[in-house]
Every structure is written in structure tokens, then in C-alpha cells.
PDB file of all heavy atoms in Angstrom:
ATOM      1  N   TRP A   1     -13.986  -1.859   1.913  1.00  0.00           N
ATOM      2  CA  TRP A   1     -15.054  -1.413   1.089  1.00  0.00           C
ATOM      3  C   TRP A   1     -15.246   0.077   1.103  1.00  0.00           C
ATOM      4  O   TRP A   1     -15.461   0.719   0.077  1.00  0.00           O
ATOM      5  CB  TRP A   1     -16.432  -2.082   1.477  1.00  0.00           C
ATOM      6  CG  TRP A   1     -17.557  -1.765   0.596  1.00  0.00           C
ATOM      7  CD1 TRP A   1     -17.835  -2.247  -0.614  1.00  0.00           C
ATOM      8  CD2 TRP A   1     -18.542  -0.833   0.855  1.00  0.00           C
ATOM      9  NE1 TRP A   1     -18.954  -1.679  -1.162  1.00  0.00           N
ATOM     10  CE2 TRP A   1     -19.389  -0.878  -0.249  1.00  0.00           C
ATOM     11  CE3 TRP A   1     -18.759   0.055   1.959  1.00  0.00           C
ATOM     12  CZ2 TRP A   1     -20.511  -0.011  -0.292  1.00  0.00           C
ATOM     13  CZ3 TRP A   1     -19.868   0.846   1.905  1.00  0.00           C
ATOM     14  CH2 TRP A   1     -20.706   0.779   0.726  1.00  0.00           C
ATOM     15  N   LEU A   2     -15.229   0.623   2.311  1.00  0.00           N
ATOM     16  CA  LEU A   2     -15.415   2.116   2.404  1.00  0.00           C
ATOM     17  C   LEU A   2     -14.270   2.825   1.721  1.00  0.00           C
ATOM     18  O   LEU A   2     -14.570   3.865   1.145  1.00  0.00           O
ATOM     19  CB  LEU A   2     -15.417   2.510   3.947  1.00  0.00           C
ATOM     20  CG  LEU A   2     -16.676   2.142   4.692  1.00  0.00           C
ATOM     21  CD1 LEU A   2     -16.466   2.400   6.219  1.00  0.00           C
ATOM     22  CD2 LEU A   2     -17.912   2.961   4.234  1.00  0.00           C
ATOM     23  N   ALA A   3     -13.089   2.329   1.863  1.00  0.00           N
ATOM     24  CA  ALA A   3     -11.970   2.978   1.140  1.00  0.00           C
ATOM     25  C   ALA A   3     -12.174   3.133  -0.298  1.00  0.00           C
ATOM     26  O   ALA A   3     -11.679   4.018  -0.987  1.00  0.00           O
ATOM     27  CB  ALA A   3     -10.615   2.355   1.520  1.00  0.00           C
ATOM     28  N   ALA A   4     -12.868   2.253  -0.929  1.00  0.00           N
ATOM     29  CA  ALA A   4     -13.131   2.144  -2.404  1.00  0.00           C
ATOM     30  C   ALA A   4     -14.239   2.998  -2.862  1.00  0.00           C
ATOM     31  O   ALA A   4     -14.532   3.183  -3.955  1.00  0.00           O
ATOM     32  CB  ALA A   4     -13.218   0.715  -2.814  1.00  0.00           C
ATOM     33  N   GLN A   5     -15.039   3.623  -1.889  1.00  0.00           N
ATOM     34  CA  GLN A   5     -16.219   4.455  -2.204  1.00  0.00           C
ATOM     35  C   GLN A   5     -15.776   5.974  -2.451  1.00  0.00           C
ATOM     36  O   GLN A   5     -14.625   6.285  -2.204  1.00  0.00           O
ATOM     37  CB  GLN A   5     -17.215   4.434  -0.980  1.00  0.00           C
ATOM     38  CG  GLN A   5     -17.599   3.041  -0.596  1.00  0.00           C
ATOM     39  CD  GLN A   5     -18.174   2.274  -1.849  1.00  0.00           C
ATOM     40  OE1 GLN A   5     -19.152   2.653  -2.420  1.00  0.00           O
ATOM     41  NE2 GLN A   5     -17.679   1.079  -2.067  1.00  0.00           N
ATOM     42  N   THR A   6     -16.607   6.644  -3.163  1.00  0.00           N
ATOM     43  CA  THR A   6     -16.453   8.091  -3.264  1.00  0.00           C
ATOM     44  C   THR A   6     -16.291   8.670  -1.889  1.00  0.00           C
ATOM     45  O   THR A   6     -16.994   8.341  -0.929  1.00  0.00           O
ATOM     46  CB  THR A   6     -17.669   8.664  -3.995  1.00  0.00           C
ATOM     47  OG1 THR A   6     -17.850   8.053  -5.244  1.00  0.00           O
ATOM     48  CG2 THR A   6     -17.394  10.206  -4.156  1.00  0.00           C
ATOM     49  N   ASN A   7     -15.282   9.466  -1.713  1.00  0.00           N
ATOM     50  CA  ASN A   7     -15.092   9.997  -0.321  1.00  0.00           C
ATOM     51  C   ASN A   7     -14.424   9.028   0.625  1.00  0.00           C
ATOM     52  O   ASN A   7     -14.514   9.147   1.771  1.00  0.00           O
ATOM     53  CB  ASN A   7     -16.186  10.780   0.175  1.00  0.00           C
ATOM     54  CG  ASN A   7     -15.930  11.606   1.419  1.00  0.00           C
ATOM     55  OD1 ASN A   7     -14.839  12.316   1.440  1.00  0.00           O
ATOM     56  ND2 ASN A   7     -16.860  11.881   2.317  1.00  0.00           N
ATOM     57  N   GLY A   8     -13.783   8.039  -0.008  1.00  0.00           N
ATOM     58  CA  GLY A   8     -13.278   6.901   0.820  1.00  0.00           C
ATOM     59  C   GLY A   8     -12.354   7.192   1.891  1.00  0.00           C
ATOM     60  O   GLY A   8     -12.540   6.660   2.992  1.00  0.00           O
ATOM     61  N   ALA A   9     -11.420   8.129   1.670  1.00  0.00           N
ATOM     62  CA  ALA A   9     -10.473   8.468   2.841  1.00  0.00           C
ATOM     63  C   ALA A   9     -11.196   9.028   4.003  1.00  0.00           C
ATOM     64  O   ALA A   9     -10.902   8.673   5.120  1.00  0.00           O
ATOM     65  CB  ALA A   9      -9.426   9.501   2.259  1.00  0.00           C
ATOM     66  N   GLN A  10     -12.203   9.905   3.827  1.00  0.00           N
ATOM     67  CA  GLN A  10     -12.994  10.498   4.871  1.00  0.00           C
ATOM     68  C   GLN A  10     -13.818   9.440   5.508  1.00  0.00           C
ATOM     69  O   GLN A  10     -14.069   9.509   6.783  1.00  0.00           O
ATOM     70  CB  GLN A  10     -13.852  11.693   4.340  1.00  0.00           C
ATOM     71  CG  GLN A  10     -12.885  12.876   3.925  1.00  0.00           C
ATOM     72  CD  GLN A  10     -12.084  13.357   5.185  1.00  0.00           C
ATOM     73  OE1 GLN A  10     -12.562  13.660   6.175  1.00  0.00           O
ATOM     74  NE2 GLN A  10     -10.764  13.431   4.850  1.00  0.00           N
ATOM     75  N   LEU A  11     -14.493   8.508   4.776  1.00  0.00           N
ATOM     76  CA  LEU A  11     -15.315   7.361   5.359  1.00  0.00           C
ATOM     77  C   LEU A  11     -14.442   6.574   6.277  1.00  0.00           C
ATOM     78  O   LEU A  11     -14.869   6.163   7.366  1.00  0.00           O
ATOM     79  CB  LEU A  11     -15.917   6.710   4.176  1.00  0.00           C
ATOM     80  CG  LEU A  11     -16.914   7.395   3.346  1.00  0.00           C
ATOM     81  CD1 LEU A  11     -17.308   6.433   2.152  1.00  0.00           C
ATOM     82  CD2 LEU A  11     -18.118   7.867   4.096  1.00  0.00           C
ATOM     83  N   VAL A  12     -13.207   6.297   5.784  1.00  0.00           N
ATOM     84  CA  VAL A  12     -12.336   5.380   6.663  1.00  0.00           C
ATOM     85  C   VAL A  12     -11.922   6.176   7.853  1.00  0.00           C
ATOM     86  O   VAL A  12     -11.849   5.604   8.927  1.00  0.00           O
ATOM     87  CB  VAL A  12     -11.100   4.947   5.798  1.00  0.00           C
ATOM     88  CG1 VAL A  12     -10.011   4.412   6.680  1.00  0.00           C
ATOM     89  CG2 VAL A  12     -11.591   4.009   4.753  1.00  0.00           C
ATOM     90  N   LYS A  13     -11.692   7.498   7.768  1.00  0.00           N
ATOM     91  CA  LYS A  13     -11.325   8.256   8.935  1.00  0.00           C
ATOM     92  C   LYS A  13     -12.420   8.151   9.961  1.00  0.00           C
ATOM     93  O   LYS A  13     -12.188   8.040  11.159  1.00  0.00           O
ATOM     94  CB  LYS A  13     -10.979   9.693   8.507  1.00  0.00           C
ATOM     95  CG  LYS A  13     -10.494  10.601   9.633  1.00  0.00           C
ATOM     96  CD  LYS A  13     -10.111  11.976   9.209  1.00  0.00           C
ATOM     97  CE  LYS A  13      -9.711  12.850  10.310  1.00  0.00           C
ATOM     98  NZ  LYS A  13      -9.338  14.184   9.969  1.00  0.00           N
ATOM     99  N   ALA A  14     -13.644   8.416   9.550  1.00  0.00           N
ATOM    100  CA  ALA A  14     -14.860   8.361  10.371  1.00  0.00           C
ATOM    101  C   ALA A  14     -14.933   6.994  10.996  1.00  0.00           C
ATOM    102  O   ALA A  14     -15.270   6.798  12.225  1.00  0.00           O
ATOM    103  CB  ALA A  14     -16.078   8.732   9.679  1.00  0.00           C
ATOM    104  N   TYR A  15     -14.824   5.903  10.220  1.00  0.00           N
ATOM    105  CA  TYR A  15     -14.842   4.526  10.673  1.00  0.00           C
ATOM    106  C   TYR A  15     -13.865   4.258  11.764  1.00  0.00           C
ATOM    107  O   TYR A  15     -14.221   3.730  12.847  1.00  0.00           O
ATOM    108  CB  TYR A  15     -14.596   3.697   9.383  1.00  0.00           C
ATOM    109  CG  TYR A  15     -14.258   2.171   9.681  1.00  0.00           C
ATOM    110  CD1 TYR A  15     -15.302   1.309   9.488  1.00  0.00           C
ATOM    111  CD2 TYR A  15     -12.994   1.723  10.181  1.00  0.00           C
ATOM    112  CE1 TYR A  15     -14.941  -0.075   9.591  1.00  0.00           C
ATOM    113  CE2 TYR A  15     -12.733   0.341  10.364  1.00  0.00           C
ATOM    114  CZ  TYR A  15     -13.738  -0.532  10.013  1.00  0.00           C
ATOM    115  OH  TYR A  15     -13.467  -1.866  10.326  1.00  0.00           O
ATOM    116  N   GLU A  16     -12.593   4.790  11.567  1.00  0.00           N
ATOM    117  CA  GLU A  16     -11.586   4.627  12.639  1.00  0.00           C
ATOM    118  C   GLU A  16     -11.926   5.399  13.935  1.00  0.00           C
ATOM    119  O   GLU A  16     -11.621   4.868  15.056  1.00  0.00           O
ATOM    120  CB  GLU A  16     -10.238   5.048  12.077  1.00  0.00           C
ATOM    121  CG  GLU A  16      -9.760   4.002  11.006  1.00  0.00           C
ATOM    122  CD  GLU A  16      -8.505   4.354  10.278  1.00  0.00           C
ATOM    123  OE1 GLU A  16      -8.152   5.617  10.323  1.00  0.00           O
ATOM    124  OE2 GLU A  16      -7.823   3.579   9.724  1.00  0.00           O
ATOM    125  N   GLU A  17     -12.511   6.545  13.664  1.00  0.00           N
ATOM    126  CA  GLU A  17     -12.846   7.285  14.953  1.00  0.00           C
ATOM    127  C   GLU A  17     -13.931   6.611  15.645  1.00  0.00           C
ATOM    128  O   GLU A  17     -13.959   6.624  16.910  1.00  0.00           O
ATOM    129  CB  GLU A  17     -13.369   8.682  14.473  1.00  0.00           C
ATOM    130  CG  GLU A  17     -12.257   9.634  13.935  1.00  0.00           C
ATOM    131  CD  GLU A  17     -12.690  10.919  13.265  1.00  0.00           C
ATOM    132  OE1 GLU A  17     -13.814  11.001  12.840  1.00  0.00           O
ATOM    133  OE2 GLU A  17     -11.874  11.844  13.249  1.00  0.00           O
ATOM    134  N   ILE A  18     -14.933   6.059  15.080  1.00  0.00           N
ATOM    135  CA  ILE A  18     -15.991   5.351  15.629  1.00  0.00           C
ATOM    136  C   ILE A  18     -15.539   4.086  16.264  1.00  0.00           C
ATOM    137  O   ILE A  18     -15.858   3.788  17.458  1.00  0.00           O
ATOM    138  CB  ILE A  18     -17.158   5.099  14.613  1.00  0.00           C
ATOM    139  CG1 ILE A  18     -17.874   6.299  14.297  1.00  0.00           C
ATOM    140  CG2 ILE A  18     -18.188   4.104  15.231  1.00  0.00           C
ATOM    141  CD1 ILE A  18     -18.859   6.234  13.051  1.00  0.00           C
ATOM    142  N   ALA A  19     -14.735   3.333  15.626  1.00  0.00           N
ATOM    143  CA  ALA A  19     -14.238   1.979  16.224  1.00  0.00           C
ATOM    144  C   ALA A  19     -13.361   2.382  17.421  1.00  0.00           C
ATOM    145  O   ALA A  19     -13.561   1.728  18.425  1.00  0.00           O
ATOM    146  CB  ALA A  19     -13.293   1.344  15.195  1.00  0.00           C
ATOM    147  N   ALA A  20     -12.481   3.292  17.416  1.00  0.00           N
ATOM    148  CA  ALA A  20     -11.719   3.722  18.604  1.00  0.00           C
ATOM    149  C   ALA A  20     -12.641   4.167  19.751  1.00  0.00           C
ATOM    150  O   ALA A  20     -12.353   3.888  20.937  1.00  0.00           O
ATOM    151  CB  ALA A  20     -10.636   4.733  18.226  1.00  0.00           C
ATOM    152  N   GLY A  21     -13.560   4.967  19.376  1.00  0.00           N
ATOM    153  CA  GLY A  21     -14.543   5.593  20.392  1.00  0.00           C
ATOM    154  C   GLY A  21     -15.275   4.413  21.022  1.00  0.00           C
ATOM    155  O   GLY A  21     -15.523   4.425  22.303  1.00  0.00           O
ATOM    156  N   ILE A  22     -15.796   3.425  20.220  1.00  0.00           N
ATOM    157  CA  ILE A  22     -16.511   2.307  20.908  1.00  0.00           C
ATOM    158  C   ILE A  22     -15.566   1.484  21.730  1.00  0.00           C
ATOM    159  O   ILE A  22     -15.925   1.013  22.863  1.00  0.00           O
ATOM    160  CB  ILE A  22     -17.104   1.461  19.709  1.00  0.00           C
ATOM    161  CG1 ILE A  22     -18.320   2.110  19.120  1.00  0.00           C
ATOM    162  CG2 ILE A  22     -17.573   0.090  20.188  1.00  0.00           C
ATOM    163  CD1 ILE A  22     -18.902   1.616  17.859  1.00  0.00           C
ATOM    164  N   GLU A  23     -14.392   1.275  21.345  1.00  0.00           N
ATOM    165  CA  GLU A  23     -13.473   0.439  22.072  1.00  0.00           C
ATOM    166  C   GLU A  23     -13.174   0.956  23.408  1.00  0.00           C
ATOM    167  O   GLU A  23     -13.170   0.355  24.389  1.00  0.00           O
ATOM    168  CB  GLU A  23     -12.083   0.287  21.228  1.00  0.00           C
ATOM    169  CG  GLU A  23     -11.010  -0.531  21.987  1.00  0.00           C
ATOM    170  CD  GLU A  23     -11.452  -2.005  21.979  1.00  0.00           C
ATOM    171  OE1 GLU A  23     -12.082  -2.511  21.116  1.00  0.00           O
ATOM    172  OE2 GLU A  23     -11.083  -2.618  23.025  1.00  0.00           O
ATOM    173  N   SER A  24     -13.162   2.275  23.550  1.00  0.00           N
ATOM    174  CA  SER A  24     -12.884   3.034  24.771  1.00  0.00           C
ATOM    175  C   SER A  24     -14.253   3.427  25.504  1.00  0.00           C
ATOM    176  O   SER A  24     -14.173   4.055  26.508  1.00  0.00           O
ATOM    177  CB  SER A  24     -11.985   4.143  24.709  1.00  0.00           C
ATOM    178  OG  SER A  24     -12.444   5.029  23.737  1.00  0.00           O
ATOM    179  N   MET A  25     -15.288   2.998  24.921  1.00  0.00           N
ATOM    180  CA  MET A  25     -16.688   3.296  25.437  1.00  0.00           C
ATOM    181  C   MET A  25     -16.944   4.788  25.630  1.00  0.00           C
ATOM    182  O   MET A  25     -17.545   5.213  26.630  1.00  0.00           O
ATOM    183  CB  MET A  25     -17.016   2.422  26.727  1.00  0.00           C
ATOM    184  CG  MET A  25     -17.050   1.036  26.474  1.00  0.00           C
ATOM    185  SD  MET A  25     -17.602   0.153  27.936  1.00  0.00           S
ATOM    186  CE  MET A  25     -19.455   0.475  27.957  1.00  0.00           C
ATOM    187  N   LYS A  26     -16.538   5.618  24.691  1.00  0.00           N
ATOM    188  CA  LYS A  26     -16.930   7.015  24.775  1.00  0.00           C
ATOM    189  C   LYS A  26     -18.432   7.231  24.567  1.00  0.00           C
ATOM    190  O   LYS A  26     -18.977   6.542  23.803  1.00  0.00           O
ATOM    191  CB  LYS A  26     -16.219   7.734  23.715  1.00  0.00           C
ATOM    192  CG  LYS A  26     -14.696   7.869  23.951  1.00  0.00           C
ATOM    193  CD  LYS A  26     -14.154   8.884  22.897  1.00  0.00           C
ATOM    194  CE  LYS A  26     -12.598   9.072  23.201  1.00  0.00           C
ATOM    195  NZ  LYS A  26     -11.994  10.042  22.265  1.00  0.00           N
ATOM    196  N   GLU A  27     -18.930   8.026  25.371  1.00  0.00           N
ATOM    197  CA  GLU A  27     -20.396   8.349  25.377  1.00  0.00           C
ATOM    198  C   GLU A  27     -20.666   9.159  24.105  1.00  0.00           C
ATOM    199  O   GLU A  27     -21.764   8.984  23.481  1.00  0.00           O
ATOM    200  CB  GLU A  27     -20.891   8.996  26.582  1.00  0.00           C
ATOM    201  CG  GLU A  27     -20.881   8.111  27.769  1.00  0.00           C
ATOM    202  CD  GLU A  27     -21.467   8.668  29.020  1.00  0.00           C
ATOM    203  OE1 GLU A  27     -22.372   9.601  28.896  1.00  0.00           O
ATOM    204  OE2 GLU A  27     -21.117   8.327  30.129  1.00  0.00           O
ATOM    205  N   GLU A  28     -19.725   9.956  23.740  1.00  0.00           N
ATOM    206  CA  GLU A  28     -19.897  10.770  22.553  1.00  0.00           C
ATOM    207  C   GLU A  28     -18.644  10.708  21.779  1.00  0.00           C
ATOM    208  O   GLU A  28     -17.503  10.912  22.352  1.00  0.00           O
ATOM    209  CB  GLU A  28     -20.220  12.269  22.906  1.00  0.00           C
ATOM    210  CG  GLU A  28     -21.551  12.472  23.592  1.00  0.00           C
ATOM    211  CD  GLU A  28     -21.836  13.920  23.827  1.00  0.00           C
ATOM    212  OE1 GLU A  28     -20.881  14.685  24.078  1.00  0.00           O
ATOM    213  OE2 GLU A  28     -22.982  14.220  23.856  1.00  0.00           O
ATOM    214  N   ILE A  29     -18.633  10.439  20.457  1.00  0.00           N
ATOM    215  CA  ILE A  29     -17.395  10.236  19.691  1.00  0.00           C
ATOM    216  C   ILE A  29     -17.424  11.468  18.689  1.00  0.00           C
ATOM    217  O   ILE A  29     -18.210  11.489  17.748  1.00  0.00           O
ATOM    218  CB  ILE A  29     -17.474   8.953  18.870  1.00  0.00           C
ATOM    219  CG1 ILE A  29     -17.627   7.744  19.879  1.00  0.00           C
ATOM    220  CG2 ILE A  29     -16.273   8.690  17.987  1.00  0.00           C
ATOM    221  CD1 ILE A  29     -17.948   6.431  19.276  1.00  0.00           C
ATOM    222  N   PRO A  30     -16.450  12.409  18.821  1.00  0.00           N
ATOM    223  CA  PRO A  30     -16.295  13.426  17.851  1.00  0.00           C
ATOM    224  C   PRO A  30     -15.906  12.894  16.495  1.00  0.00           C
ATOM    225  O   PRO A  30     -15.033  12.050  16.400  1.00  0.00           O
ATOM    226  CB  PRO A  30     -15.181  14.327  18.399  1.00  0.00           C
ATOM    227  CG  PRO A  30     -14.995  13.829  19.843  1.00  0.00           C
ATOM    228  CD  PRO A  30     -15.505  12.483  19.863  1.00  0.00           C
ATOM    229  N   ILE A  31     -16.517  13.338  15.447  1.00  0.00           N
ATOM    230  CA  ILE A  31     -16.268  13.024  14.107  1.00  0.00           C
ATOM    231  C   ILE A  31     -15.531  14.182  13.463  1.00  0.00           C
ATOM    232  O   ILE A  31     -16.105  15.253  13.211  1.00  0.00           O
ATOM    233  CB  ILE A  31     -17.499  12.584  13.349  1.00  0.00           C
ATOM    234  CG1 ILE A  31     -18.190  11.506  14.028  1.00  0.00           C
ATOM    235  CG2 ILE A  31     -17.115  12.241  11.849  1.00  0.00           C
ATOM    236  CD1 ILE A  31     -17.393  10.164  14.236  1.00  0.00           C
ATOM    237  N   THR A  32     -14.266  14.104  13.235  1.00  0.00           N
ATOM    238  CA  THR A  32     -13.472  15.178  12.464  1.00  0.00           C
ATOM    239  C   THR A  32     -13.379  14.854  10.930  1.00  0.00           C
ATOM    240  O   THR A  32     -12.960  15.808  10.204  1.00  0.00           O
ATOM    241  CB  THR A  32     -12.019  15.196  13.029  1.00  0.00           C
ATOM    242  OG1 THR A  32     -11.424  13.970  12.811  1.00  0.00           O
ATOM    243  CG2 THR A  32     -12.066  15.523  14.493  1.00  0.00           C
ATOM    244  N   ALA A  33     -13.797  13.685  10.542  1.00  0.00           N
ATOM    245  CA  ALA A  33     -13.781  13.376   9.184  1.00  0.00           C
ATOM    246  C   ALA A  33     -14.953  14.189   8.420  1.00  0.00           C
ATOM    247  O   ALA A  33     -15.956  14.623   9.148  1.00  0.00           O
ATOM    248  CB  ALA A  33     -14.071  11.925   9.003  1.00  0.00           C
ATOM    249  N   ASP A  34     -14.754  14.486   7.187  1.00  0.00           N
ATOM    250  CA  ASP A  34     -15.798  15.189   6.406  1.00  0.00           C
ATOM    251  C   ASP A  34     -16.699  14.163   5.815  1.00  0.00           C
ATOM    252  O   ASP A  34     -16.575  13.846   4.589  1.00  0.00           O
ATOM    253  CB  ASP A  34     -15.051  16.096   5.385  1.00  0.00           C
ATOM    254  CG  ASP A  34     -16.049  16.962   4.634  1.00  0.00           C
ATOM    255  OD1 ASP A  34     -17.079  17.193   5.135  1.00  0.00           O
ATOM    256  OD2 ASP A  34     -15.586  17.518   3.650  1.00  0.00           O
ATOM    257  N   ILE A  35     -17.807  13.778   6.569  1.00  0.00           N
ATOM    258  CA  ILE A  35     -18.809  12.937   6.048  1.00  0.00           C
ATOM    259  C   ILE A  35     -20.177  13.514   6.316  1.00  0.00           C
ATOM    260  O   ILE A  35     -20.324  14.308   7.231  1.00  0.00           O
ATOM    261  CB  ILE A  35     -18.653  11.604   6.677  1.00  0.00           C
ATOM    262  CG1 ILE A  35     -19.020  11.564   8.093  1.00  0.00           C
ATOM    263  CG2 ILE A  35     -17.349  10.903   6.414  1.00  0.00           C
ATOM    264  CD1 ILE A  35     -19.346  10.198   8.758  1.00  0.00           C
TER     265      ILE A  35
END
């Protein structure tokens, strides 16, 4: 769904950064996506 939104590629990038950060239990997850 995010991929189909305006700015979809960046939304998906942030989604993937958050999912990976949560999986590894990062206390702070850097967001390099432009959201």
C-alpha cells in the first residue's frame, strides 16, 4: 500500500528501515528516507 502512495519509494524505504531496526531492537532507528 505504501509503495502505491505519493512518495511511495521513500515511504517503503522508511518502512524497511523501521522493520529492520525493530527486528534488531535498536533503541534509535536512523531514517535516511526522505519522509
